[in-house]
Amino acid sequence: MPDLTIATVARALDGLDARAFATAHNIANLGSPGFLPVRVSFERSLQQALMMAEPSKVRAAPIDAARELPATVGGLRPDLELSLASDTASRFAVLTALADRQFQLHSLALKGVL
């Protein structure tokens, strides 16, 4: 995997990790009075950084979700939060499997098997 791809996967995993933390935080505080939910956005900045071949400059950034979420339980819909958590976990699994496969190939190449 070229360095650019490794850096991109690493930054995507960082963003997904931040999103998973924010989603867990939202779910845990669902019924808390005065709680303001958060969202994490990184896809657009990752895409722009890739166009410039600089994925190391990508940072996962929280965005103000209170303005964009419907007024339900604490400003959140529990079903959508759980769906987002599931989607994030699936994306994380795909990226870690990709990285694992590439590292296996590198290991085989270093051993002279490939």
PDB file of N, CA and C in Angstrom:
ATOM      1  N   MET A   1       0.867  -1.164   0.000  1.00  0.00           N
ATOM      2  CA  MET A   1       0.000   0.000   0.000  1.00  0.00           C
ATOM      3  C   MET A   1       0.915   1.228   0.000  1.00  0.00           C
ATOM      4  N   PRO A   2       0.767   2.129  -0.949  1.00  0.00           N
ATOM      5  CA  PRO A   2       1.611   3.329  -0.969  1.00  0.00           C
ATOM      6  C   PRO A   2       1.433   4.152   0.310  1.00  0.00           C
ATOM      7  N   ASP A   3       2.424   4.978   0.605  1.00  0.00           N
ATOM      8  CA  ASP A   3       2.362   5.803   1.815  1.00  0.00           C
ATOM      9  C   ASP A   3       1.106   6.655   1.869  1.00  0.00           C
ATOM     10  N   LEU A   4       0.676   7.167   0.719  1.00  0.00           N
ATOM     11  CA  LEU A   4      -0.526   7.992   0.676  1.00  0.00           C
ATOM     12  C   LEU A   4      -1.742   7.184   1.113  1.00  0.00           C
ATOM     13  N   THR A   5      -1.823   5.945   0.671  1.00  0.00           N
ATOM     14  CA  THR A   5      -2.958   5.096   1.039  1.00  0.00           C
ATOM     15  C   THR A   5      -2.922   4.755   2.520  1.00  0.00           C
ATOM     16  N   ILE A   6      -1.757   4.442   3.041  1.00  0.00           N
ATOM     17  CA  ILE A   6      -1.635   4.140   4.467  1.00  0.00           C
ATOM     18  C   ILE A   6      -2.045   5.358   5.295  1.00  0.00           C
ATOM     19  N   ALA A   7      -1.581   6.525   4.905  1.00  0.00           N
ATOM     20  CA  ALA A   7      -1.931   7.755   5.621  1.00  0.00           C
ATOM     21  C   ALA A   7      -3.426   8.032   5.536  1.00  0.00           C
ATOM     22  N   THR A   8      -4.018   7.763   4.379  1.00  0.00           N
ATOM     23  CA  THR A   8      -5.453   7.987   4.206  1.00  0.00           C
ATOM     24  C   THR A   8      -6.261   7.054   5.088  1.00  0.00           C
ATOM     25  N   VAL A   9      -5.902   5.778   5.101  1.00  0.00           N
ATOM     26  CA  VAL A   9      -6.598   4.807   5.950  1.00  0.00           C
ATOM     27  C   VAL A   9      -6.441   5.201   7.422  1.00  0.00           C
ATOM     28  N   ALA A  10      -5.247   5.612   7.814  1.00  0.00           N
ATOM     29  CA  ALA A  10      -5.016   6.017   9.202  1.00  0.00           C
ATOM     30  C   ALA A  10      -5.886   7.208   9.586  1.00  0.00           C
ATOM     31  N   ARG A  11      -5.984   8.197   8.707  1.00  0.00           N
ATOM     32  CA  ARG A  11      -6.806   9.380   8.997  1.00  0.00           C
ATOM     33  C   ARG A  11      -8.294   9.027   9.011  1.00  0.00           C
ATOM     34  N   ALA A  12      -8.714   8.144   8.120  1.00  0.00           N
ATOM     35  CA  ALA A  12     -10.112   7.713   8.118  1.00  0.00           C
ATOM     36  C   ALA A  12     -10.438   6.961   9.408  1.00  0.00           C
ATOM     37  N   LEU A  13      -9.520   6.128   9.868  1.00  0.00           N
ATOM     38  CA  LEU A  13      -9.731   5.415  11.137  1.00  0.00           C
ATOM     39  C   LEU A  13      -9.790   6.392  12.306  1.00  0.00           C
ATOM     40  N   ASP A  14      -8.946   7.421  12.278  1.00  0.00           N
ATOM     41  CA  ASP A  14      -9.001   8.453  13.327  1.00  0.00           C
ATOM     42  C   ASP A  14     -10.360   9.143  13.334  1.00  0.00           C
ATOM     43  N   GLY A  15     -10.851   9.491  12.157  1.00  0.00           N
ATOM     44  CA  GLY A  15     -12.149  10.147  12.053  1.00  0.00           C
ATOM     45  C   GLY A  15     -13.284   9.255  12.527  1.00  0.00           C
ATOM     46  N   LEU A  16     -13.233   7.991  12.150  1.00  0.00           N
ATOM     47  CA  LEU A  16     -14.266   7.054  12.587  1.00  0.00           C
ATOM     48  C   LEU A  16     -14.217   6.831  14.094  1.00  0.00           C
ATOM     49  N   ASP A  17     -13.013   6.824  14.650  1.00  0.00           N
ATOM     50  CA  ASP A  17     -12.873   6.692  16.097  1.00  0.00           C
ATOM     51  C   ASP A  17     -13.507   7.884  16.816  1.00  0.00           C
ATOM     52  N   ALA A  18     -13.250   9.077  16.304  1.00  0.00           N
ATOM     53  CA  ALA A  18     -13.844  10.281  16.904  1.00  0.00           C
ATOM     54  C   ALA A  18     -15.363  10.260  16.765  1.00  0.00           C
ATOM     55  N   ARG A  19     -15.847   9.796  15.611  1.00  0.00           N
ATOM     56  CA  ARG A  19     -17.294   9.709  15.404  1.00  0.00           C
ATOM     57  C   ARG A  19     -17.919   8.689  16.358  1.00  0.00           C
ATOM     58  N   ALA A  20     -17.267   7.548  16.560  1.00  0.00           N
ATOM     59  CA  ALA A  20     -17.785   6.530  17.473  1.00  0.00           C
ATOM     60  C   ALA A  20     -17.846   7.073  18.899  1.00  0.00           C
ATOM     61  N   PHE A  21     -16.819   7.814  19.306  1.00  0.00           N
ATOM     62  CA  PHE A  21     -16.802   8.414  20.643  1.00  0.00           C
ATOM     63  C   PHE A  21     -17.947   9.414  20.796  1.00  0.00           C
ATOM     64  N   ALA A  22     -18.150  10.253  19.787  1.00  0.00           N
ATOM     65  CA  ALA A  22     -19.214  11.257  19.848  1.00  0.00           C
ATOM     66  C   ALA A  22     -20.591  10.592  19.887  1.00  0.00           C
ATOM     67  N   THR A  23     -20.781   9.548  19.095  1.00  0.00           N
ATOM     68  CA  THR A  23     -22.066   8.844  19.078  1.00  0.00           C
ATOM     69  C   THR A  23     -22.333   8.182  20.418  1.00  0.00           C
ATOM     70  N   ALA A  24     -21.316   7.542  20.983  1.00  0.00           N
ATOM     71  CA  ALA A  24     -21.476   6.918  22.308  1.00  0.00           C
ATOM     72  C   ALA A  24     -21.807   7.968  23.355  1.00  0.00           C
ATOM     73  N   HIS A  25     -21.158   9.114  23.262  1.00  0.00           N
ATOM     74  CA  HIS A  25     -21.424  10.234  24.178  1.00  0.00           C
ATOM     75  C   HIS A  25     -22.868  10.708  24.040  1.00  0.00           C
ATOM     76  N   ASN A  26     -23.339  10.811  22.801  1.00  0.00           N
ATOM     77  CA  ASN A  26     -24.725  11.231  22.557  1.00  0.00           C
ATOM     78  C   ASN A  26     -25.716  10.233  23.140  1.00  0.00           C
ATOM     79  N   ILE A  27     -25.470   8.946  22.912  1.00  0.00           N
ATOM     80  CA  ILE A  27     -26.384   7.913  23.411  1.00  0.00           C
ATOM     81  C   ILE A  27     -26.375   7.886  24.940  1.00  0.00           C
ATOM     82  N   ALA A  28     -25.211   8.007  25.531  1.00  0.00           N
ATOM     83  CA  ALA A  28     -25.097   7.956  26.992  1.00  0.00           C
ATOM     84  C   ALA A  28     -25.806   9.127  27.660  1.00  0.00           C
ATOM     85  N   ASN A  29     -25.856  10.263  26.992  1.00  0.00           N
ATOM     86  CA  ASN A  29     -26.461  11.461  27.580  1.00  0.00           C
ATOM     87  C   ASN A  29     -27.834  11.782  27.002  1.00  0.00           C
ATOM     88  N   LEU A  30     -28.453  10.800  26.397  1.00  0.00           N
ATOM     89  CA  LEU A  30     -29.702  10.993  25.679  1.00  0.00           C
ATOM     90  C   LEU A  30     -30.780  11.721  26.471  1.00  0.00           C
ATOM     91  N   GLY A  31     -30.982  11.360  27.730  1.00  0.00           N
ATOM     92  CA  GLY A  31     -32.046  11.978  28.512  1.00  0.00           C
ATOM     93  C   GLY A  31     -31.594  13.090  29.433  1.00  0.00           C
ATOM     94  N   SER A  32     -30.349  13.500  29.347  1.00  0.00           N
ATOM     95  CA  SER A  32     -29.821  14.525  30.248  1.00  0.00           C
ATOM     96  C   SER A  32     -30.370  15.901  29.897  1.00  0.00           C
ATOM     97  N   PRO A  33     -30.883  16.622  30.900  1.00  0.00           N
ATOM     98  CA  PRO A  33     -31.392  17.973  30.639  1.00  0.00           C
ATOM     99  C   PRO A  33     -30.260  18.904  30.189  1.00  0.00           C
ATOM    100  N   GLY A  34     -30.530  19.685  29.170  1.00  0.00           N
ATOM    101  CA  GLY A  34     -29.552  20.651  28.684  1.00  0.00           C
ATOM    102  C   GLY A  34     -28.443  20.070  27.833  1.00  0.00           C
ATOM    103  N   PHE A  35     -28.494  18.772  27.572  1.00  0.00           N
ATOM    104  CA  PHE A  35     -27.434  18.139  26.776  1.00  0.00           C
ATOM    105  C   PHE A  35     -27.517  18.580  25.325  1.00  0.00           C
ATOM    106  N   LEU A  36     -26.374  18.947  24.751  1.00  0.00           N
ATOM    107  CA  LEU A  36     -26.295  19.295  23.337  1.00  0.00           C
ATOM    108  C   LEU A  36     -25.510  18.209  22.615  1.00  0.00           C
ATOM    109  N   PRO A  37     -26.141  17.506  21.688  1.00  0.00           N
ATOM    110  CA  PRO A  37     -25.457  16.436  20.972  1.00  0.00           C
ATOM    111  C   PRO A  37     -24.361  16.982  20.053  1.00  0.00           C
ATOM    112  N   VAL A  38     -23.431  16.108  19.705  1.00  0.00           N
ATOM    113  CA  VAL A  38     -22.343  16.493  18.806  1.00  0.00           C
ATOM    114  C   VAL A  38     -22.274  15.510  17.648  1.00  0.00           C
ATOM    115  N   ARG A  39     -21.710  15.953  16.576  1.00  0.00           N
ATOM    116  CA  ARG A  39     -21.427  15.128  15.411  1.00  0.00           C
ATOM    117  C   ARG A  39     -19.974  15.359  15.036  1.00  0.00           C
ATOM    118  N   VAL A  40     -19.393  14.394  14.366  1.00  0.00           N
ATOM    119  CA  VAL A  40     -18.021  14.529  13.890  1.00  0.00           C
ATOM    120  C   VAL A  40     -18.035  14.403  12.370  1.00  0.00           C
ATOM    121  N   SER A  41     -17.381  15.347  11.721  1.00  0.00           N
ATOM    122  CA  SER A  41     -17.306  15.345  10.259  1.00  0.00           C
ATOM    123  C   SER A  41     -15.834  15.347   9.845  1.00  0.00           C
ATOM    124  N   PHE A  42     -15.492  14.446   8.941  1.00  0.00           N
ATOM    125  CA  PHE A  42     -14.111  14.426   8.458  1.00  0.00           C
ATOM    126  C   PHE A  42     -14.031  14.052   6.976  1.00  0.00           C
ATOM    127  N   GLU A  43     -15.105  13.541   6.394  1.00  0.00           N
ATOM    128  CA  GLU A  43     -15.052  13.043   5.024  1.00  0.00           C
ATOM    129  C   GLU A  43     -14.689  14.124   4.013  1.00  0.00           C
ATOM    130  N   ARG A  44     -15.288  15.294   4.136  1.00  0.00           N
ATOM    131  CA  ARG A  44     -15.014  16.363   3.169  1.00  0.00           C
ATOM    132  C   ARG A  44     -13.552  16.812   3.255  1.00  0.00           C
ATOM    133  N   SER A  45     -13.047  16.993   4.475  1.00  0.00           N
ATOM    134  CA  SER A  45     -11.645  17.429   4.592  1.00  0.00           C
ATOM    135  C   SER A  45     -10.690  16.319   4.140  1.00  0.00           C
ATOM    136  N   LEU A  46     -11.068  15.053   4.341  1.00  0.00           N
ATOM    137  CA  LEU A  46     -10.243  13.943   3.862  1.00  0.00           C
ATOM    138  C   LEU A  46     -10.207  13.936   2.341  1.00  0.00           C
ATOM    139  N   GLN A  47     -11.349  14.152   1.715  1.00  0.00           N
ATOM    140  CA  GLN A  47     -11.408  14.185   0.258  1.00  0.00           C
ATOM    141  C   GLN A  47     -10.565  15.337  -0.299  1.00  0.00           C
ATOM    142  N   GLN A  48     -10.649  16.507   0.316  1.00  0.00           N
ATOM    143  CA  GLN A  48      -9.860  17.653  -0.145  1.00  0.00           C
ATOM    144  C   GLN A  48      -8.372  17.403   0.053  1.00  0.00           C
ATOM    145  N   ALA A  49      -8.015  16.796   1.182  1.00  0.00           N
ATOM    146  CA  ALA A  49      -6.603  16.505   1.441  1.00  0.00           C
ATOM    147  C   ALA A  49      -6.061  15.487   0.447  1.00  0.00           C
ATOM    148  N   LEU A  50      -6.892  14.526   0.058  1.00  0.00           N
ATOM    149  CA  LEU A  50      -6.460  13.545  -0.939  1.00  0.00           C
ATOM    150  C   LEU A  50      -6.199  14.190  -2.288  1.00  0.00           C
ATOM    151  N   MET A  51      -7.023  15.167  -2.640  1.00  0.00           N
ATOM    152  CA  MET A  51      -6.812  15.874  -3.905  1.00  0.00           C
ATOM    153  C   MET A  51      -5.472  16.594  -3.904  1.00  0.00           C
ATOM    154  N   MET A  52      -5.028  17.022  -2.730  1.00  0.00           N
ATOM    155  CA  MET A  52      -3.750  17.729  -2.597  1.00  0.00           C
ATOM    156  C   MET A  52      -2.640  16.779  -2.165  1.00  0.00           C
ATOM    157  N   ALA A  53      -2.951  15.465  -2.043  1.00  0.00           N
ATOM    158  CA  ALA A  53      -2.001  14.431  -1.622  1.00  0.00           C
ATOM    159  C   ALA A  53      -1.406  14.726  -0.248  1.00  0.00           C
ATOM    160  N   GLU A  54      -2.241  15.244   0.668  1.00  0.00           N
ATOM    161  CA  GLU A  54      -1.780  15.559   2.022  1.00  0.00           C
ATOM    162  C   GLU A  54      -2.777  15.077   3.077  1.00  0.00           C
ATOM    163  N   PRO A  55      -3.035  13.763   3.177  1.00  0.00           N
ATOM    164  CA  PRO A  55      -4.015  13.282   4.151  1.00  0.00           C
ATOM    165  C   PRO A  55      -3.596  13.498   5.598  1.00  0.00           C
ATOM    166  N   SER A  56      -2.320  13.738   5.840  1.00  0.00           N
ATOM    167  CA  SER A  56      -1.872  13.955   7.218  1.00  0.00           C
ATOM    168  C   SER A  56      -2.432  15.242   7.808  1.00  0.00           C
ATOM    169  N   LYS A  57      -2.955  16.140   6.959  1.00  0.00           N
ATOM    170  CA  LYS A  57      -3.509  17.393   7.444  1.00  0.00           C
ATOM    171  C   LYS A  57      -4.974  17.293   7.856  1.00  0.00           C
ATOM    172  N   VAL A  58      -5.571  16.103   7.711  1.00  0.00           N
ATOM    173  CA  VAL A  58      -6.990  15.919   8.031  1.00  0.00           C
ATOM    174  C   VAL A  58      -7.168  15.780   9.531  1.00  0.00           C
ATOM    175  N   ARG A  59      -8.149  16.491  10.065  1.00  0.00           N
ATOM    176  CA  ARG A  59      -8.507  16.392  11.474  1.00  0.00           C
ATOM    177  C   ARG A  59     -10.012  16.209  11.565  1.00  0.00           C
ATOM    178  N   ALA A  60     -10.433  15.266  12.386  1.00  0.00           N
ATOM    179  CA  ALA A  60     -11.864  15.078  12.620  1.00  0.00           C
ATOM    180  C   ALA A  60     -12.342  16.248  13.465  1.00  0.00           C
ATOM    181  N   ALA A  61     -13.399  16.905  13.011  1.00  0.00           N
ATOM    182  CA  ALA A  61     -13.869  18.103  13.701  1.00  0.00           C
ATOM    183  C   ALA A  61     -15.311  17.940  14.151  1.00  0.00           C
ATOM    184  N   PRO A  62     -15.572  18.245  15.425  1.00  0.00           N
ATOM    185  CA  PRO A  62     -16.977  18.222  15.852  1.00  0.00           C
ATOM    186  C   PRO A  62     -17.730  19.371  15.202  1.00  0.00           C
ATOM    187  N   ILE A  63     -18.977  19.110  14.858  1.00  0.00           N
ATOM    188  CA  ILE A  63     -19.820  20.160  14.290  1.00  0.00           C
ATOM    189  C   ILE A  63     -21.009  20.377  15.207  1.00  0.00           C
ATOM    190  N   ASP A  64     -21.629  21.518  15.099  1.00  0.00           N
ATOM    191  CA  ASP A  64     -22.751  21.861  15.970  1.00  0.00           C
ATOM    192  C   ASP A  64     -23.990  21.104  15.520  1.00  0.00           C
ATOM    193  N   ALA A  65     -24.264  19.999  16.181  1.00  0.00           N
ATOM    194  CA  ALA A  65     -25.393  19.152  15.794  1.00  0.00           C
ATOM    195  C   ALA A  65     -26.697  19.666  16.370  1.00  0.00           C
ATOM    196  N   ALA A  66     -26.647  20.493  17.392  1.00  0.00           N
ATOM    197  CA  ALA A  66     -27.874  20.953  18.041  1.00  0.00           C
ATOM    198  C   ALA A  66     -28.770  21.691  17.050  1.00  0.00           C
ATOM    199  N   ARG A  67     -28.184  22.384  16.086  1.00  0.00           N
ATOM    200  CA  ARG A  67     -28.974  23.134  15.115  1.00  0.00           C
ATOM    201  C   ARG A  67     -29.568  22.255  14.028  1.00  0.00           C
ATOM    202  N   GLU A  68     -28.950  21.099  13.770  1.00  0.00           N
ATOM    203  CA  GLU A  68     -29.410  20.296  12.645  1.00  0.00           C
ATOM    204  C   GLU A  68     -30.183  19.042  13.035  1.00  0.00           C
ATOM    205  N   LEU A  69     -30.285  18.742  14.321  1.00  0.00           N
ATOM    206  CA  LEU A  69     -30.994  17.547  14.755  1.00  0.00           C
ATOM    207  C   LEU A  69     -32.425  17.880  15.146  1.00  0.00           C
ATOM    208  N   PRO A  70     -33.361  16.964  14.867  1.00  0.00           N
ATOM    209  CA  PRO A  70     -34.755  17.220  15.242  1.00  0.00           C
ATOM    210  C   PRO A  70     -34.925  17.233  16.753  1.00  0.00           C
ATOM    211  N   ALA A  71     -35.886  17.985  17.235  1.00  0.00           N
ATOM    212  CA  ALA A  71     -36.146  18.061  18.676  1.00  0.00           C
ATOM    213  C   ALA A  71     -36.921  16.829  19.106  1.00  0.00           C
ATOM    214  N   THR A  72     -36.200  15.803  19.516  1.00  0.00           N
ATOM    215  CA  THR A  72     -36.814  14.584  20.035  1.00  0.00           C
ATOM    216  C   THR A  72     -36.289  14.394  21.441  1.00  0.00           C
ATOM    217  N   VAL A  73     -35.912  13.202  21.818  1.00  0.00           N
ATOM    218  CA  VAL A  73     -35.369  12.958  23.150  1.00  0.00           C
ATOM    219  C   VAL A  73     -33.996  13.605  23.234  1.00  0.00           C
ATOM    220  N   GLY A  74     -33.904  14.734  23.926  1.00  0.00           N
ATOM    221  CA  GLY A  74     -32.622  15.419  24.055  1.00  0.00           C
ATOM    222  C   GLY A  74     -32.065  15.904  22.728  1.00  0.00           C
ATOM    223  N   GLY A  75     -32.921  16.095  21.716  1.00  0.00           N
ATOM    224  CA  GLY A  75     -32.442  16.525  20.407  1.00  0.00           C
ATOM    225  C   GLY A  75     -31.966  15.380  19.540  1.00  0.00           C
ATOM    226  N   LEU A  76     -32.167  14.146  19.984  1.00  0.00           N
ATOM    227  CA  LEU A  76     -31.687  12.985  19.239  1.00  0.00           C
ATOM    228  C   LEU A  76     -32.790  11.972  19.017  1.00  0.00           C
ATOM    229  N   ARG A  77     -32.640  11.196  17.970  1.00  0.00           N
ATOM    230  CA  ARG A  77     -33.490  10.032  17.773  1.00  0.00           C
ATOM    231  C   ARG A  77     -32.627   8.824  18.093  1.00  0.00           C
ATOM    232  N   PRO A  78     -32.954   8.101  19.149  1.00  0.00           N
ATOM    233  CA  PRO A  78     -32.123   6.959  19.547  1.00  0.00           C
ATOM    234  C   PRO A  78     -31.910   5.947  18.423  1.00  0.00           C
ATOM    235  N   ASP A  79     -32.925   5.709  17.596  1.00  0.00           N
ATOM    236  CA  ASP A  79     -32.780   4.747  16.507  1.00  0.00           C
ATOM    237  C   ASP A  79     -31.738   5.210  15.484  1.00  0.00           C
ATOM    238  N   LEU A  80     -31.707   6.508  15.202  1.00  0.00           N
ATOM    239  CA  LEU A  80     -30.723   7.019  14.255  1.00  0.00           C
ATOM    240  C   LEU A  80     -29.310   7.021  14.840  1.00  0.00           C
ATOM    241  N   GLU A  81     -29.203   7.271  16.134  1.00  0.00           N
ATOM    242  CA  GLU A  81     -27.888   7.220  16.781  1.00  0.00           C
ATOM    243  C   GLU A  81     -27.327   5.798  16.743  1.00  0.00           C
ATOM    244  N   LEU A  82     -28.177   4.813  17.019  1.00  0.00           N
ATOM    245  CA  LEU A  82     -27.729   3.422  16.971  1.00  0.00           C
ATOM    246  C   LEU A  82     -27.382   3.010  15.542  1.00  0.00           C
ATOM    247  N   SER A  83     -28.133   3.517  14.575  1.00  0.00           N
ATOM    248  CA  SER A  83     -27.827   3.242  13.176  1.00  0.00           C
ATOM    249  C   SER A  83     -26.480   3.856  12.792  1.00  0.00           C
ATOM    250  N   LEU A  84     -26.218   5.071  13.247  1.00  0.00           N
ATOM    251  CA  LEU A  84     -24.934   5.721  12.982  1.00  0.00           C
ATOM    252  C   LEU A  84     -23.794   4.947  13.640  1.00  0.00           C
ATOM    253  N   ALA A  85     -24.012   4.463  14.853  1.00  0.00           N
ATOM    254  CA  ALA A  85     -22.983   3.667  15.537  1.00  0.00           C
ATOM    255  C   ALA A  85     -22.686   2.395  14.752  1.00  0.00           C
ATOM    256  N   SER A  86     -23.725   1.746  14.247  1.00  0.00           N
ATOM    257  CA  SER A  86     -23.545   0.523  13.457  1.00  0.00           C
ATOM    258  C   SER A  86     -22.806   0.813  12.155  1.00  0.00           C
ATOM    259  N   ASP A  87     -23.174   1.885  11.478  1.00  0.00           N
ATOM    260  CA  ASP A  87     -22.516   2.269  10.234  1.00  0.00           C
ATOM    261  C   ASP A  87     -21.036   2.585  10.476  1.00  0.00           C
ATOM    262  N   THR A  88     -20.758   3.305  11.543  1.00  0.00           N
ATOM    263  CA  THR A  88     -19.373   3.649  11.880  1.00  0.00           C
ATOM    264  C   THR A  88     -18.563   2.393  12.160  1.00  0.00           C
ATOM    265  N   ALA A  89     -19.137   1.456  12.918  1.00  0.00           N
ATOM    266  CA  ALA A  89     -18.437   0.209  13.231  1.00  0.00           C
ATOM    267  C   ALA A  89     -18.158  -0.601  11.965  1.00  0.00           C
ATOM    268  N   SER A  90     -19.114  -0.626  11.046  1.00  0.00           N
ATOM    269  CA  SER A  90     -18.918  -1.351   9.782  1.00  0.00           C
ATOM    270  C   SER A  90     -17.795  -0.745   8.958  1.00  0.00           C
ATOM    271  N   ARG A  91     -17.769   0.568   8.860  1.00  0.00           N
ATOM    272  CA  ARG A  91     -16.702   1.240   8.109  1.00  0.00           C
ATOM    273  C   ARG A  91     -15.341   0.998   8.758  1.00  0.00           C
ATOM    274  N   PHE A  92     -15.317   1.046  10.081  1.00  0.00           N
ATOM    275  CA  PHE A  92     -14.078   0.801  10.817  1.00  0.00           C
ATOM    276  C   PHE A  92     -13.571  -0.616  10.527  1.00  0.00           C
ATOM    277  N   ALA A  93     -14.493  -1.595  10.540  1.00  0.00           N
ATOM    278  CA  ALA A  93     -14.114  -2.992  10.280  1.00  0.00           C
ATOM    279  C   ALA A  93     -13.545  -3.169   8.877  1.00  0.00           C
ATOM    280  N   VAL A  94     -14.157  -2.518   7.893  1.00  0.00           N
ATOM    281  CA  VAL A  94     -13.666  -2.625   6.519  1.00  0.00           C
ATOM    282  C   VAL A  94     -12.264  -2.032   6.399  1.00  0.00           C
ATOM    283  N   LEU A  95     -12.050  -0.874   6.981  1.00  0.00           N
ATOM    284  CA  LEU A  95     -10.735  -0.235   6.882  1.00  0.00           C
ATOM    285  C   LEU A  95      -9.658  -1.012   7.636  1.00  0.00           C
ATOM    286  N   THR A  96      -9.988  -1.564   8.797  1.00  0.00           N
ATOM    287  CA  THR A  96      -8.984  -2.348   9.530  1.00  0.00           C
ATOM    288  C   THR A  96      -8.674  -3.648   8.785  1.00  0.00           C
ATOM    289  N   ALA A  97      -9.673  -4.243   8.138  1.00  0.00           N
ATOM    290  CA  ALA A  97      -9.425  -5.450   7.345  1.00  0.00           C
ATOM    291  C   ALA A  97      -8.520  -5.129   6.148  1.00  0.00           C
ATOM    292  N   LEU A  98      -8.756  -3.980   5.513  1.00  0.00           N
ATOM    293  CA  LEU A  98      -7.904  -3.548   4.403  1.00  0.00           C
ATOM    294  C   LEU A  98      -6.466  -3.351   4.870  1.00  0.00           C
ATOM    295  N   ALA A  99      -6.307  -2.646   5.962  1.00  0.00           N
ATOM    296  CA  ALA A  99      -4.960  -2.410   6.487  1.00  0.00           C
ATOM    297  C   ALA A  99      -4.290  -3.725   6.879  1.00  0.00           C
ATOM    298  N   ASP A 100      -5.031  -4.612   7.520  1.00  0.00           N
ATOM    299  CA  ASP A 100      -4.478  -5.908   7.923  1.00  0.00           C
ATOM    300  C   ASP A 100      -4.001  -6.702   6.712  1.00  0.00           C
ATOM    301  N   ARG A 101      -4.817  -6.732   5.674  1.00  0.00           N
ATOM    302  CA  ARG A 101      -4.449  -7.471   4.462  1.00  0.00           C
ATOM    303  C   ARG A 101      -3.186  -6.894   3.832  1.00  0.00           C
ATOM    304  N   GLN A 102      -3.095  -5.590   3.777  1.00  0.00           N
ATOM    305  CA  GLN A 102      -1.912  -4.965   3.197  1.00  0.00           C
ATOM    306  C   GLN A 102      -0.662  -5.244   4.031  1.00  0.00           C
ATOM    307  N   PHE A 103      -0.809  -5.223   5.344  1.00  0.00           N
ATOM    308  CA  PHE A 103       0.340  -5.523   6.204  1.00  0.00           C
ATOM    309  C   PHE A 103       0.761  -6.985   6.077  1.00  0.00           C
ATOM    310  N   GLN A 104      -0.205  -7.881   5.857  1.00  0.00           N
ATOM    311  CA  GLN A 104       0.134  -9.288   5.615  1.00  0.00           C
ATOM    312  C   GLN A 104       0.940  -9.429   4.330  1.00  0.00           C
ATOM    313  N   LEU A 105       0.516  -8.707   3.285  1.00  0.00           N
ATOM    314  CA  LEU A 105       1.244  -8.749   2.027  1.00  0.00           C
ATOM    315  C   LEU A 105       2.663  -8.185   2.177  1.00  0.00           C
ATOM    316  N   HIS A 106       2.800  -7.114   2.925  1.00  0.00           N
ATOM    317  CA  HIS A 106       4.136  -6.541   3.184  1.00  0.00           C
ATOM    318  C   HIS A 106       4.994  -7.545   3.947  1.00  0.00           C
ATOM    319  N   SER A 107       4.420  -8.202   4.903  1.00  0.00           N
ATOM    320  CA  SER A 107       5.152  -9.198   5.685  1.00  0.00           C
ATOM    321  C   SER A 107       5.636 -10.344   4.796  1.00  0.00           C
ATOM    322  N   LEU A 108       4.763 -10.823   3.934  1.00  0.00           N
ATOM    323  CA  LEU A 108       5.162 -11.898   3.007  1.00  0.00           C
ATOM    324  C   LEU A 108       6.259 -11.436   2.051  1.00  0.00           C
ATOM    325  N   ALA A 109       6.150 -10.206   1.598  1.00  0.00           N
ATOM    326  CA  ALA A 109       7.185  -9.681   0.687  1.00  0.00           C
ATOM    327  C   ALA A 109       8.529  -9.573   1.407  1.00  0.00           C
ATOM    328  N   LEU A 110       8.510  -9.148   2.657  1.00  0.00           N
ATOM    329  CA  LEU A 110       9.761  -9.044   3.419  1.00  0.00           C
ATOM    330  C   LEU A 110      10.386 -10.408   3.683  1.00  0.00           C
ATOM    331  N   LYS A 111       9.553 -11.425   3.817  1.00  0.00           N
ATOM    332  CA  LYS A 111      10.046 -12.785   4.046  1.00  0.00           C
ATOM    333  C   LYS A 111      10.506 -13.442   2.747  1.00  0.00           C
ATOM    334  N   GLY A 112      10.246 -12.793   1.617  1.00  0.00           N
ATOM    335  CA  GLY A 112      10.642 -13.327   0.333  1.00  0.00           C
ATOM    336  C   GLY A 112       9.668 -14.327  -0.247  1.00  0.00           C
ATOM    337  N   VAL A 113       8.472 -14.407   0.307  1.00  0.00           N
ATOM    338  CA  VAL A 113       7.466 -15.345  -0.185  1.00  0.00           C
ATOM    339  C   VAL A 113       6.837 -14.807  -1.477  1.00  0.00           C
ATOM    340  N   LEU A 114       6.687 -13.509  -1.577  1.00  0.00           N
ATOM    341  CA  LEU A 114       6.090 -12.914  -2.797  1.00  0.00           C
ATOM    342  C   LEU A 114       7.153 -12.446  -3.749  1.00  0.00           C
TER     343      LEU A 114
END
